[in-house]
Structures are given as C-alpha cells and as structure tokens.
Protein backbone atom coordinates (compact mmCIF):
# COMPACT_ATOMS: atom_id res chain seq x y z
CA MET A 1 -4.05 6.03 7.43
CA THR A 2 -1.50 3.71 5.84
CA PRO A 3 -2.74 0.08 5.92
CA PRO A 4 -0.34 -2.00 8.02
CA ASN A 5 1.49 -4.87 6.35
CA GLU A 6 2.34 -6.76 9.52
CA GLN A 7 -0.15 -8.40 11.88
CA ALA A 8 0.53 -7.55 15.51
CA ASP A 9 1.16 -10.39 17.96
CA PRO A 10 -2.13 -10.80 19.84
CA GLU A 11 -0.49 -12.49 22.84
CA GLY A 12 -1.00 -10.58 26.02
CA SER A 13 -3.90 -8.55 24.62
CA SER A 14 -7.12 -8.51 26.63
CA PHE A 15 -10.72 -8.84 25.56
CA SER A 16 -13.54 -6.97 27.23
CA ALA A 17 -17.10 -5.98 26.48
CA GLU A 18 -15.96 -2.38 26.16
CA SER A 19 -13.14 -3.14 23.70
CA SER A 20 -15.08 -5.69 21.67
CA GLY A 21 -18.33 -3.83 21.23
CA ILE A 22 -20.33 -6.66 22.82
CA PRO A 23 -22.84 -5.28 25.31
CA ALA A 24 -21.62 -5.13 28.91
CA GLU A 25 -24.06 -7.78 30.13
CA ALA A 26 -22.16 -10.33 28.01
CA GLU A 27 -19.39 -10.48 30.63
CA ALA A 28 -21.85 -11.46 33.31
CA GLN A 29 -23.46 -14.06 31.08
CA THR A 30 -20.14 -15.77 30.30
CA SER A 31 -19.87 -16.60 34.02
CA SER A 32 -23.49 -17.76 34.32
CA PRO A 33 -23.94 -20.93 32.24
CA GLY A 34 -27.63 -21.14 33.05
CA THR A 35 -28.43 -17.71 31.67
CA LEU A 36 -30.64 -17.62 28.58
CA ASP A 37 -28.48 -17.01 25.49
CA ASP A 38 -29.81 -13.95 23.69
CA GLY A 39 -26.87 -13.73 21.28
CA ASN A 40 -24.79 -11.40 23.45
CA GLN A 41 -22.68 -14.06 25.08
CA ALA A 42 -19.25 -14.44 23.46
CA PRO A 43 -18.13 -18.07 23.09
CA MET A 44 -14.56 -17.30 24.24
CA GLN A 45 -13.71 -15.80 27.61
CA ASN A 46 -10.63 -13.90 26.42
CA PRO A 47 -10.27 -13.99 22.62
CA PRO A 48 -7.43 -11.97 21.12
CA SER A 49 -8.15 -8.43 19.98
CA MET A 50 -6.77 -6.30 17.19
CA ASP A 51 -6.91 -2.66 16.14
CA PHE A 52 -9.96 -2.13 13.93
CA TRP A 53 -8.06 -0.70 10.96
CA GLN A 54 -5.39 -3.36 11.21
CA ALA A 55 -8.08 -6.05 11.06
CA ILE A 56 -9.44 -4.52 7.86
CA TYR A 57 -6.15 -3.87 6.12
CA THR A 58 -4.52 -7.20 6.99
CA ARG A 59 -7.46 -9.40 5.95
CA ARG A 60 -6.48 -11.68 3.08
CA SER A 61 -8.27 -14.29 0.97
CA ILE A 62 -6.49 -17.56 1.73
CA ARG A 63 -6.40 -20.27 -0.93
CA ARG A 64 -4.07 -22.77 0.72
CA PHE A 65 -4.80 -24.10 4.20
CA LYS A 66 -3.06 -26.42 6.62
CA PRO A 67 -4.94 -29.69 7.24
CA ASP A 68 -4.95 -29.07 11.01
CA PRO A 69 -8.43 -29.20 12.59
CA VAL A 70 -9.80 -25.93 13.95
CA PRO A 71 -11.04 -25.98 17.58
CA ARG A 72 -14.76 -25.45 17.74
CA GLU A 73 -14.30 -22.71 20.31
CA LEU A 74 -12.52 -20.68 17.65
CA ILE A 75 -15.14 -21.53 15.04
CA ASP A 76 -17.92 -20.45 17.40
CA GLN A 77 -16.17 -17.12 18.02
CA VAL A 78 -15.99 -16.55 14.24
CA LEU A 79 -19.71 -17.34 13.95
CA HIS A 80 -20.51 -15.05 16.85
CA GLY A 81 -18.71 -12.21 15.15
CA GLY A 82 -20.78 -12.94 12.07
CA ILE A 83 -24.20 -12.77 13.70
CA TRP A 84 -23.47 -9.26 14.98
CA ALA A 85 -23.64 -7.99 11.41
CA PRO A 86 -26.60 -5.83 10.38
CA SER A 87 -29.45 -7.51 8.53
CA SER A 88 -32.51 -6.24 6.69
CA CYS A 89 -35.16 -5.20 9.24
CA ASN A 90 -32.95 -7.02 11.78
CA TYR A 91 -34.66 -10.28 10.77
CA GLN A 92 -31.36 -12.22 11.07
CA MET A 93 -32.80 -14.94 8.83
CA TRP A 94 -29.42 -16.58 8.36
CA ASP A 95 -28.52 -20.17 9.17
CA LEU A 96 -24.94 -21.43 9.33
CA VAL A 97 -23.98 -25.06 8.86
CA VAL A 98 -20.39 -25.71 9.92
CA VAL A 99 -18.84 -28.71 8.21
CA ASP A 100 -15.66 -29.87 9.92
CA ASP A 101 -16.04 -33.59 9.21
CA PRO A 102 -13.32 -34.49 6.65
CA LYS A 103 -15.52 -37.11 5.01
CA ILE A 104 -18.39 -34.69 4.45
CA ASN A 105 -15.98 -32.04 3.19
CA GLN A 106 -14.71 -34.50 0.60
CA GLU A 107 -18.30 -34.91 -0.55
CA LEU A 108 -18.74 -31.13 -0.70
CA ALA A 109 -15.60 -30.92 -2.87
CA GLN A 110 -17.44 -33.07 -5.42
CA ILE A 111 -20.07 -30.34 -5.67
CA SER A 112 -17.52 -27.51 -5.90
CA SER A 113 -13.77 -28.03 -5.95
CA GLN A 114 -13.33 -24.81 -3.96
CA MET A 115 -14.81 -26.55 -0.93
CA GLY A 116 -11.95 -29.05 -0.91
CA ASN A 117 -9.19 -26.74 0.29
CA ALA A 118 -9.92 -26.03 3.96
CA PRO A 119 -10.69 -28.21 7.01
CA VAL A 120 -13.85 -26.19 7.71
CA ASN A 121 -16.60 -25.03 5.37
CA ILE A 122 -19.32 -22.76 6.73
CA VAL A 123 -22.43 -22.98 4.56
CA VAL A 124 -24.30 -19.68 4.77
CA ALA A 125 -28.04 -19.81 4.07
CA TYR A 126 -30.83 -17.26 4.32
CA GLY A 127 -34.59 -17.61 4.68
CA ARG A 128 -36.09 -18.09 1.24
CA GLY A 129 -38.67 -15.39 0.55
CA PHE A 130 -37.40 -12.98 3.20
CA SER A 131 -36.04 -9.52 2.36
CA GLU A 132 -35.93 -10.06 -1.39
CA GLU A 133 -36.43 -6.41 -2.35
CA ASN A 134 -33.22 -5.00 -3.81
CA PHE A 135 -31.44 -8.24 -2.81
CA ALA A 136 -31.61 -7.30 0.87
CA ASN A 137 -31.27 -10.99 1.74
CA VAL A 138 -27.95 -11.16 -0.13
CA GLN A 139 -26.81 -7.91 1.47
CA SER A 140 -27.58 -9.31 4.93
CA ALA A 141 -25.74 -12.58 4.35
CA ALA A 142 -22.80 -10.72 2.81
CA ALA A 143 -22.48 -8.50 5.89
CA LEU A 144 -22.38 -11.62 8.07
CA ILE A 145 -19.70 -13.24 5.88
CA GLU A 146 -17.56 -10.10 5.96
CA ASN A 147 -17.78 -10.02 9.76
CA MET A 148 -16.73 -13.67 9.92
CA SER A 149 -13.82 -13.06 7.56
CA LEU A 150 -12.53 -10.24 9.75
CA ALA A 151 -13.05 -12.28 12.93
CA ALA A 152 -11.09 -15.18 11.44
CA GLY A 153 -8.12 -12.91 10.77
CA VAL A 154 -8.13 -11.57 14.33
CA LEU A 155 -8.13 -15.16 15.65
CA GLY A 156 -5.15 -16.16 13.52
CA LEU A 157 -7.27 -18.10 11.01
CA GLY A 158 -7.62 -17.67 7.27
CA SER A 159 -10.79 -17.59 5.23
CA PHE A 160 -11.91 -17.73 1.62
CA TRP A 161 -15.30 -16.46 0.45
CA ILE A 162 -16.70 -19.07 -1.96
CA THR A 163 -19.37 -17.82 -4.35
CA GLN A 164 -19.03 -20.63 -6.91
CA VAL A 165 -20.75 -23.28 -4.81
CA GLY A 166 -21.73 -25.47 -7.76
CA ASP A 167 -25.18 -27.04 -7.49
CA ALA A 168 -26.57 -24.97 -4.61
CA ASP A 169 -29.60 -27.22 -4.18
CA ALA A 170 -27.40 -30.32 -3.93
CA LEU A 171 -25.26 -28.51 -1.36
CA ARG A 172 -28.36 -27.53 0.62
CA ALA A 173 -29.56 -31.13 0.68
CA LYS A 174 -26.12 -32.52 1.54
CA VAL A 175 -25.91 -30.50 4.76
CA GLY A 176 -29.55 -31.04 5.67
CA LEU A 177 -30.90 -27.53 5.13
CA PRO A 178 -34.66 -27.47 4.44
CA ILE A 179 -36.08 -26.28 1.14
CA ASP A 180 -37.06 -22.89 2.61
CA ARG A 181 -33.41 -22.07 3.22
CA TRP A 182 -31.46 -20.61 0.30
CA VAL A 183 -27.68 -21.20 0.10
CA VAL A 184 -25.98 -17.85 -0.50
CA ALA A 185 -22.29 -18.73 -0.21
CA VAL A 186 -19.70 -20.76 1.70
CA LEU A 187 -16.85 -19.48 3.85
CA ALA A 188 -13.80 -21.76 3.91
CA LEU A 189 -11.94 -21.57 7.23
CA GLY A 190 -8.66 -22.90 8.58
CA TYR A 191 -5.07 -22.18 9.48
CA PRO A 192 -3.34 -20.61 6.47
CA LYS A 193 -0.21 -22.18 5.01
CA SER A 194 0.99 -18.64 4.35
CA VAL A 195 -0.44 -15.14 4.57
CA PRO A 196 0.45 -12.58 1.88
CA GLN A 197 1.99 -9.56 3.58
CA LYS A 198 0.65 -7.19 0.95
CA GLY A 199 -2.84 -7.30 -0.46
CA PRO A 200 -3.76 -6.70 -4.10
CA LYS A 201 -3.73 -3.09 -5.23
CA ARG A 202 -7.05 -1.29 -5.01
CA ARG A 203 -8.75 0.97 -7.48
CA PRO A 204 -7.97 4.46 -6.22
CA LEU A 205 -10.67 6.43 -4.44
CA SER A 206 -10.53 9.06 -7.18
CA GLN A 207 -11.86 6.49 -9.67
CA VAL A 208 -14.65 5.02 -7.57
CA THR A 209 -16.00 7.84 -5.39
CA HIS A 210 -18.35 10.68 -6.29
CA TYR A 211 -19.93 13.33 -4.10
CA ASN A 212 -23.60 14.21 -4.65
CA HIS A 213 -23.66 13.12 -8.30
CA TYR A 214 -21.95 10.44 -10.38
CA ALA A 215 -19.26 12.00 -12.54
CA GLY A 216 -17.35 9.05 -13.96
CA LYS A 217 -17.45 6.70 -16.93
CA PRO A 218 -18.86 3.30 -16.00
CA ILE A 219 -17.11 0.10 -17.01
CA PRO A 220 -19.55 -1.57 -19.46
CA SER A 221 -21.43 -4.67 -18.34
CA SER A 222 -21.52 -5.96 -21.91
CA ALA A 223 -19.04 -8.37 -23.49
CA ASP A 224 -19.49 -6.64 -26.86
CA PRO A 225 -16.26 -4.80 -27.78
CA ALA A 226 -18.29 -2.08 -29.50
CA ALA A 227 -19.60 -1.01 -26.06
CA TRP A 228 -16.10 -0.38 -24.69
CA GLU A 229 -14.26 2.88 -25.26
CA PRO A 230 -10.51 2.26 -25.55
CA GLU A 231 -9.85 4.25 -22.38
CA LEU A 232 -12.27 2.11 -20.34
CA LEU A 233 -10.75 -1.11 -21.68
CA THR A 234 -7.33 0.10 -20.60
CA ILE A 235 -8.58 0.97 -17.09
CA TYR A 236 -10.39 -2.35 -16.68
CA GLN A 237 -7.52 -4.52 -17.86
CA ARG A 238 -5.02 -2.62 -15.74
CA ALA A 239 -7.20 -3.12 -12.66
CA ARG A 240 -7.72 -6.84 -13.31
CA VAL A 241 -4.06 -7.59 -14.00
CA LEU A 242 -2.59 -5.56 -11.16
CA ASN A 243 -5.33 -6.29 -8.62
CA GLY A 244 -5.45 -10.04 -8.57
CA LEU A 245 -4.88 -11.91 -11.84
CA ARG A 246 -1.13 -12.31 -11.40
CA HIS A 247 -1.65 -15.74 -9.91
CA ASN A 248 -3.41 -17.03 -13.04
CA LYS A 249 -1.89 -20.11 -14.58
CA PRO A 250 -2.13 -21.00 -18.27
CA ARG A 251 -4.82 -23.47 -19.24
CA ALA A 252 -3.30 -26.74 -20.41
CA TRP A 253 -5.36 -26.96 -23.61
CA GLU A 254 -4.35 -23.42 -24.58
CA VAL A 255 -0.68 -24.15 -23.90
CA HIS A 256 -0.83 -27.26 -26.09
CA ALA A 257 -2.31 -25.19 -28.91
CA LEU A 258 0.35 -22.50 -28.54
CA ASP A 259 3.19 -25.04 -28.54
CA GLN A 260 1.87 -26.68 -31.69
CA ALA A 261 1.44 -23.34 -33.46
CA LEU A 262 5.03 -22.35 -32.64
CA GLN A 263 6.32 -25.70 -33.83
CA ASP A 264 4.31 -25.85 -37.06
CA LEU A 265 4.23 -22.20 -38.14
CA LEU A 266 7.09 -20.40 -36.44
CA PRO A 267 10.19 -22.60 -36.28
CA GLN A 268 13.32 -21.30 -34.57
CA SER A 269 14.85 -18.41 -36.50
CA GLU A 270 18.40 -18.66 -37.79
CA GLU A 271 19.04 -15.07 -36.73
CA ALA A 272 21.82 -14.78 -34.14
CA THR A 273 19.61 -12.73 -31.83
CA GLU A 274 15.99 -12.53 -32.86
CA GLN A 275 14.11 -9.32 -31.98
CA TRP A 276 10.66 -10.49 -30.83
CA LEU A 277 7.68 -8.32 -29.82
CA ASP A 278 4.66 -9.82 -28.03
CA VAL A 279 1.69 -7.58 -28.73
CA LEU A 280 -0.81 -6.86 -25.93
CA PRO A 281 0.10 -9.87 -23.75
CA CYS A 282 -2.01 -8.53 -20.86
CA THR A 283 -1.29 -11.07 -18.10
CA GLY A 284 1.96 -12.21 -19.70
CA ILE A 285 0.94 -15.87 -19.36
CA LEU A 286 1.81 -16.80 -22.93
CA SER A 287 4.77 -14.42 -23.10
CA ASP A 288 6.39 -16.30 -20.24
CA ARG A 289 5.71 -19.63 -21.97
CA MET A 290 7.25 -18.53 -25.27
CA ALA A 291 10.30 -17.00 -23.57
CA ARG A 292 10.99 -20.32 -21.85
CA LYS A 293 10.81 -22.18 -25.15
CA ARG A 294 12.80 -19.70 -27.26
CA LYS A 295 15.98 -19.06 -25.32
CA GLY A 296 18.39 -16.46 -26.65
CA THR A 297 15.66 -14.25 -28.06
CA GLU A 298 15.60 -10.54 -27.25
CA TRP A 299 12.07 -9.98 -25.99
CA SER A 300 9.88 -6.89 -25.89
CA VAL A 301 6.23 -6.34 -25.04
CA VAL A 302 3.79 -3.61 -25.99
CA GLU A 303 0.70 -2.88 -23.88
CA ARG A 304 -2.01 -0.30 -23.33
CA SER A 305 -0.70 0.99 -19.98
CA ASN A 306 2.75 1.37 -18.48
CA ASP A 307 1.89 -0.67 -15.38
CA VAL A 308 0.69 -3.69 -17.33
CA ALA A 309 3.58 -3.45 -19.77
CA ALA A 310 6.06 -3.36 -16.88
CA TRP A 311 4.36 -6.35 -15.21
CA CYS A 312 4.53 -8.45 -18.40
CA ALA A 313 8.12 -7.40 -19.06
CA ARG A 314 9.19 -8.52 -15.57
CA ARG A 315 7.46 -11.86 -16.02
CA ILE A 316 9.89 -12.73 -18.82
CA LYS A 317 13.40 -13.81 -17.79
CA PRO A 318 15.59 -11.92 -18.41
CA ALA A 319 13.27 -8.94 -18.22
CA ALA A 320 11.94 -7.70 -21.55
CA SER A 321 11.77 -4.16 -22.89
CA SER A 322 8.35 -2.54 -22.69
CA TYR A 323 6.47 -0.19 -25.01
CA LEU A 324 3.10 1.54 -25.09
CA TRP A 325 0.28 1.48 -27.65
CA PRO A 326 -1.55 3.60 -28.61
CA ALA A 327 1.20 6.22 -28.64
CA THR A 328 0.93 8.97 -26.01
CA GLY A 329 3.70 11.22 -27.27
CA THR A 330 5.92 10.79 -24.20
CA ASP A 331 6.22 7.04 -23.57
CA PRO A 332 8.36 4.75 -25.76
CA THR A 333 6.56 3.05 -28.63
CA PRO A 334 7.83 0.47 -31.14
CA THR A 335 9.46 2.01 -34.20
CA GLU A 336 9.35 1.31 -37.92
CA SER A 337 10.93 -2.01 -38.97
CA GLN A 338 12.23 -2.76 -35.46
CA PHE A 339 11.35 -6.44 -35.01
CA ASP A 340 12.01 -9.75 -36.73
CA THR A 341 9.00 -11.49 -35.19
CA LEU A 342 5.67 -10.42 -33.70
CA THR A 343 3.11 -12.51 -31.86
CA CYS A 344 -0.44 -11.47 -31.03
CA PHE A 345 -2.81 -13.96 -29.40
CA PHE A 346 -6.55 -13.47 -28.83
CA ARG A 347 -6.39 -9.70 -28.73
CA LEU A 348 -8.22 -8.60 -31.89
CA GLU A 349 -11.40 -10.14 -30.46
CA GLY A 350 -11.49 -7.60 -27.62
CA LEU A 351 -11.11 -4.50 -29.77
CA ARG A 352 -13.56 -2.33 -31.66
CA ALA A 353 -13.56 -2.81 -35.43
CA ALA A 354 -11.61 0.41 -36.05
CA GLU A 355 -8.99 -0.54 -33.45
CA ARG A 356 -8.52 -3.93 -35.09
CA SER A 357 -7.62 -2.30 -38.36
CA GLU A 358 -5.34 0.17 -36.59
CA LEU A 359 -3.50 -2.56 -34.68
CA MET A 360 -2.97 -4.68 -37.80
CA ALA A 361 -1.51 -1.63 -39.57
CA GLN A 362 0.76 -0.89 -36.62
CA MET A 363 2.04 -4.47 -36.49
CA PHE A 364 2.89 -4.28 -40.18
CA HIS A 365 4.75 -1.03 -39.45
CA TRP A 366 6.72 -2.55 -36.53
CA LEU A 367 7.97 -5.56 -38.51
CA LYS A 368 11.14 -5.57 -40.53
CA PRO A 369 10.65 -6.33 -44.25
CA GLY A 370 10.53 -10.11 -44.41
CA GLY A 371 9.54 -10.29 -40.73
CA ARG A 372 6.93 -12.70 -39.41
CA LEU A 373 3.67 -12.21 -37.49
CA LEU A 374 2.03 -15.18 -35.76
CA LEU A 375 -1.58 -14.24 -35.04
CA GLY A 376 -3.97 -16.34 -32.94
CA PHE A 377 -7.73 -15.83 -32.71
CA VAL A 378 -10.92 -17.68 -31.75
CA SER A 379 -13.06 -18.61 -34.73
CA LYS A 380 -16.71 -17.70 -34.98
CA ASN A 381 -17.13 -20.83 -37.11
CA SER A 382 -16.26 -23.12 -34.19
CA TYR A 383 -18.17 -24.42 -31.18
CA HIS A 384 -17.15 -21.31 -29.20
CA ASN A 385 -20.29 -19.22 -29.76
CA TRP A 386 -22.52 -22.17 -28.91
CA THR A 387 -20.86 -22.82 -25.56
CA GLU A 388 -20.67 -19.09 -24.79
CA GLY A 389 -24.40 -18.88 -25.50
CA LEU A 390 -25.08 -21.65 -22.98
CA ARG A 391 -22.94 -19.90 -20.37
CA SER A 392 -24.66 -16.55 -20.86
CA LYS A 393 -28.10 -18.20 -20.47
CA GLY A 394 -27.30 -19.37 -16.98
CA LYS A 395 -25.56 -22.69 -17.65
CA GLY A 396 -22.29 -21.42 -16.22
CA PRO A 397 -20.83 -18.54 -14.17
CA GLY A 398 -22.37 -15.21 -15.12
CA GLY A 399 -20.67 -11.89 -15.73
CA VAL A 400 -18.33 -10.29 -18.24
CA GLU A 401 -15.34 -11.72 -16.35
CA TYR A 402 -16.45 -15.28 -17.13
CA VAL A 403 -16.74 -14.93 -20.91
CA LEU A 404 -15.21 -18.07 -22.41
CA SER A 405 -12.23 -16.29 -23.89
CA PRO A 406 -8.80 -17.89 -23.73
CA ASP A 407 -6.03 -16.38 -21.65
CA PRO A 408 -4.61 -13.80 -21.82
CA ASN A 409 -7.81 -11.99 -22.78
CA ILE A 410 -9.61 -9.96 -20.11
CA GLY A 411 -12.77 -8.00 -20.77
CA PRO A 412 -14.94 -7.84 -23.90
CA PHE A 413 -14.61 -10.64 -26.40
CA GLU A 414 -16.11 -11.44 -29.79
CA ALA A 415 -15.07 -14.48 -31.81
CA LEU A 416 -14.04 -13.59 -35.38
CA ALA A 417 -14.74 -15.20 -38.73
CA PRO A 418 -11.50 -16.28 -40.46
CA SER A 419 -12.58 -14.26 -43.49
CA GLU A 420 -12.67 -11.09 -41.32
CA VAL A 421 -9.12 -11.68 -40.13
CA SER A 422 -7.91 -12.38 -43.67
CA ALA A 423 -9.43 -9.12 -44.86
CA LEU A 424 -7.73 -7.18 -42.03
CA ALA A 425 -4.36 -8.73 -42.84
CA LYS A 426 -4.70 -8.05 -46.55
CA ALA A 427 -5.71 -4.42 -45.97
CA ALA A 428 -2.63 -3.92 -43.75
CA GLY A 429 -0.33 -5.29 -46.48
CA PHE A 430 0.51 -8.74 -45.06
CA THR A 431 1.13 -11.87 -47.10
CA THR A 432 -0.24 -15.16 -45.75
CA LYS A 433 2.38 -17.87 -45.32
CA GLY A 434 0.64 -20.49 -43.18
CA THR A 435 -2.62 -21.48 -41.47
CA LEU A 436 -3.42 -23.82 -38.62
CA GLY A 437 -6.71 -24.73 -36.96
CA LEU A 438 -6.88 -26.65 -33.69
CA GLN A 439 -9.48 -28.11 -31.32
CA ALA A 440 -12.65 -28.50 -33.34
CA THR A 441 -14.06 -30.11 -30.19
CA PRO A 442 -13.28 -29.38 -26.53
CA THR A 443 -10.32 -31.31 -25.10
CA ALA A 444 -10.73 -33.67 -22.15
CA GLU A 445 -8.73 -31.21 -20.01
CA GLU A 446 -11.03 -28.32 -20.83
CA LEU A 447 -14.20 -30.30 -20.16
CA THR A 448 -12.85 -31.51 -16.82
CA PHE A 449 -12.11 -27.90 -15.88
CA ARG A 450 -15.42 -26.48 -17.13
CA THR A 451 -17.51 -29.12 -15.36
CA ARG A 452 -15.62 -29.15 -12.06
CA ASN A 453 -18.54 -27.54 -10.21
CA PHE A 454 -21.31 -29.38 -12.08
CA ASN A 455 -23.62 -31.90 -10.49
CA PRO A 456 -21.56 -35.16 -10.63
CA ARG A 457 -24.07 -36.92 -12.87
CA LEU A 458 -24.32 -33.98 -15.28
CA GLY A 459 -20.55 -33.54 -15.31
CA SER A 460 -20.03 -37.20 -16.20
CA LEU A 461 -22.62 -36.93 -18.97
CA VAL A 462 -20.99 -33.84 -20.50
CA ARG A 463 -17.51 -35.39 -20.38
CA GLY A 464 -18.84 -38.60 -21.93
CA VAL A 465 -20.46 -36.73 -24.82
CA GLY A 466 -17.22 -34.79 -25.27
CA SER A 467 -15.16 -37.98 -25.57
CA VAL A 468 -17.46 -39.20 -28.34
CA LEU A 469 -17.33 -35.89 -30.19
CA ARG A 470 -13.53 -35.89 -30.09
CA LEU A 471 -13.59 -38.73 -32.60
CA LEU A 472 -14.60 -36.08 -35.14
CA GLU A 473 -11.10 -34.58 -34.85
CA PHE A 474 -9.90 -37.35 -37.17
CA LEU A 475 -12.07 -36.05 -40.04
CA PRO A 476 -9.76 -34.47 -42.65
CA GLY A 477 -9.89 -30.68 -42.67
CA LEU A 478 -12.33 -30.34 -39.76
CA SER A 479 -9.92 -28.64 -37.36
CA ARG A 480 -8.58 -26.39 -40.09
CA HIS A 481 -12.03 -25.04 -40.89
CA ARG A 482 -13.89 -25.51 -37.59
CA GLY A 483 -11.14 -25.43 -34.97
CA ARG A 484 -11.75 -23.02 -32.13
CA PHE A 485 -8.14 -21.84 -32.10
CA GLN A 486 -7.01 -20.44 -35.44
CA TYR A 487 -3.43 -19.37 -36.14
CA ARG A 488 -2.16 -17.44 -39.13
CA LEU A 489 1.44 -16.79 -40.13
CA TYR A 490 1.85 -13.51 -42.01
CA THR A 491 4.93 -11.82 -43.39
CA ARG A 492 5.74 -8.27 -44.38
CA PRO A 493 6.92 -8.36 -47.99
CA LYS A 494 10.55 -7.41 -48.50
CA SER A 495 9.66 -4.92 -51.18
C-alpha cells in the first residue's frame, strides 16, 4: 500500500463501536451517565474517524503549535485512545497528568525547553517497580504514547513525543506525582501551525527485516571510529541526513569559529572564478554558510553516497556539482589538480586511521599545484574529551547520536591530537601555511544550549563557572594550543 500524503476531511464521517474497535457496550454507556466507568466509555459521542493505514502514514511529529487552547473533550479522547494500548500483564500501571495551564507549562519549559512549544503537555508516568524485566514498563508506556499520537492525528491535533524531559524527578514533583511513579516521557499536544505533507524517508524493509535468522550487518553502538566499517558509516550517515536531519541549524559558536577561520586563514582568492570543493559536508550546514559568504565561487561537494551528495549540492545556491568518494568506478569523482581550494571540517575524526591517510592523500591529489586546503578538527588537547566523558557517564543525553561532535559530523567521533594531523598532512605532501586555535573554553552560547534541560540551579552554576573560565581566553597562546576547534591551512607545492 502506498502511504497517503493527504489527510481526508473527517467531516461527515461517523463513529461507532464497530468502526472504532471499542466494545459494543460503550455505546450504551455513553447514554447512561450513572453507569460505572470501566474504561470502555469513549469521552466523545461522535469523534471523527479515519482509515487505519491513513492514520499511520499521515502521522507527523509537530514542532510548532498554535497557541489556541485544546478543548478537554478532545484531550480526553486522545487519552482514551492511549489507555487502550497493550501493557505488560495488562497491569495498565500508567498515570497521565495533563498540563493545560499556561503558567504551569511555562514552569515545565524551565525544566526542558521542549515542553514550552505546545499548549498541552501530557506527562506519562508508570508504576515504579512494576514490569521492569526487559523494560516492559517502558514498552507499555511507549505503546500508550503511540496510541495517543495516532489519536491526536485523527482528531486534527498534532503531537510531539518528548524524551528529553530534563530533570525527571523535578518534573514529577512539579505535577504532583508521588515518588512511586516514574516519569517515562511527555507528549506535547496542540493544533499544528503546519503539517508536513510528506514524512521523512524510512530505512527500506530490505535493510531492517530478516526472516528466521538475522542476516545483516548491525550499525555499531560505539562512538569509536575503529568499530565502524566504511560501508556501515555510509549507510548510517545517509539514513540520518535523508531521514530527519535536514532541519538542523548551525550552532552559533561553530559558525563564529568558521567565519574567523575563513577570515584569518583563507582570504578571498583573486582568481576570477575559484573552483572550490567541500569535502564530506554531510548535512551541508557549513557548505551553505560558506557559499553565502563567498559569492561568485564555483562550488562542488564530494560525499560517500549519491543521495547525500545530491542533498548537499542542492543546499548551495546556485546548486553545486557533486562527486563520490571512495570511487565506485561508475559515479563521477574529483580528478587530478581540479580545484583551487578545498575545505574539510570535522571529518577526519569520524574515519578509521587508514581512511584518514587515504582521504588526506586524495585531497592532495584533487588540488591544483599551489592550491589551498583549509582543514578543521577537534583537538584532543582541549576540554572536549573531558566534557564528552561527563556526557557518556550519564551527565547528558546518552547514545552515539549525542556525541559532542560539531556539525556536520554524524556518527563515530574521536578528537585528534594536532601532532597526528600534522603527521597526516606531511605524509600526504602538504606544506603548512597557517594555524588557528579557537575556543579554549566553552562559549556562553554553547553553555546555554548544553544546559537548557538542566535543573535551573545546576544550569546557573555551570554557566557561572563557564563565565569565569572564559577569562582564561586572554592568556597568550592558550587558544592556539588548547582551543577545541583547530584549523590548519595547507598548500600543495607548485613543484
């Protein structure tokens, strides 16, 4: 079945026990207010209905909501759809706290900024200590949330599943849940400002399904580049870029660093039309930024898959040419001495050691004699590894996808020692023409972003310590040697 892109007009549709799946006695109970509520009674007499597959294929995660209040009758119907989800041993140990008071929602937004976008936040909790084997409690709550998400779409509402709830214990206390209730997640609910007609692309069934025995290659759960085969890195990055990371915006502190590196190390070329290749831009975030600042340049990108290369090329205006690396034998690849300028930002850190050497050699090959390479990397000698260590020990979001790597990196990441990068450049034949180190301490913008879901008191403490540490930036040579962002300008000798 082809997933529909348009949501049918629910007006005129009827709702019945037979069509909804609610037991038949529910219809009788809706007309008998004194009847004991055993969970069968639907809150709405005639809620709109929708084809099952349409409800699934048109569901979208909504990030921007109208401020309009949501009638409680609609909210109750969403909740009722939720409690008909399966639960472990049918214990149904969930509790739902609906917050539709604007003042309380403002307070919740101080715990997690994601709870500040919708007029309704549904806090989903489960009985602490129940159904813990194999995370059956999480599975039960997740089934309920999925049901509510689908119900919201049928009712013309939008929803957003919030997993980053900040200080879960503070959230529990704020809404009055007792200590024996564990906050699992929050579902934001409201009228959407807009609904995307097409959802993100999905990993094809052929990649994710197996009959009787697993026959694939798993995406590694480690952030160590050595654990990632090149093919798996290509698959993962393609999926992340094409399936949902297009909306990513550049981080302000990274943009500032890029702008300064361009200004200090790579001034505008005097060439009439400079041939510029951005190497492995992935999301194209920085490619787009550079193209806006360097008008009149003829841009190209080279990536690991055709889809990602095409996406990055379209992000640049006018559209750039696209190439593939490593070479496949059929797709276009950059040629010897083709480009005046190359840029490569935060990509060596995600590659295996052998691939790093190979890429440096290729970049030397692609440059014209006398051409320039601006390389950016995260230094192992900076505060990066310390903060990444804190995150990995539970002081921040867990998972490979939350490794503290700068955009546009996606996937494995390992900060490099400047001496390692120098050795790679020398082995490839490059000559060093300039160095720049930036941000020996986190910027105020980064700390504000990183602590947005912290407990308010802890967040203020971290930001205060950061403001004191930033005074160290004035020490001569500190950023050059200890800056997190390191940039190197290399040239290919003319002879």
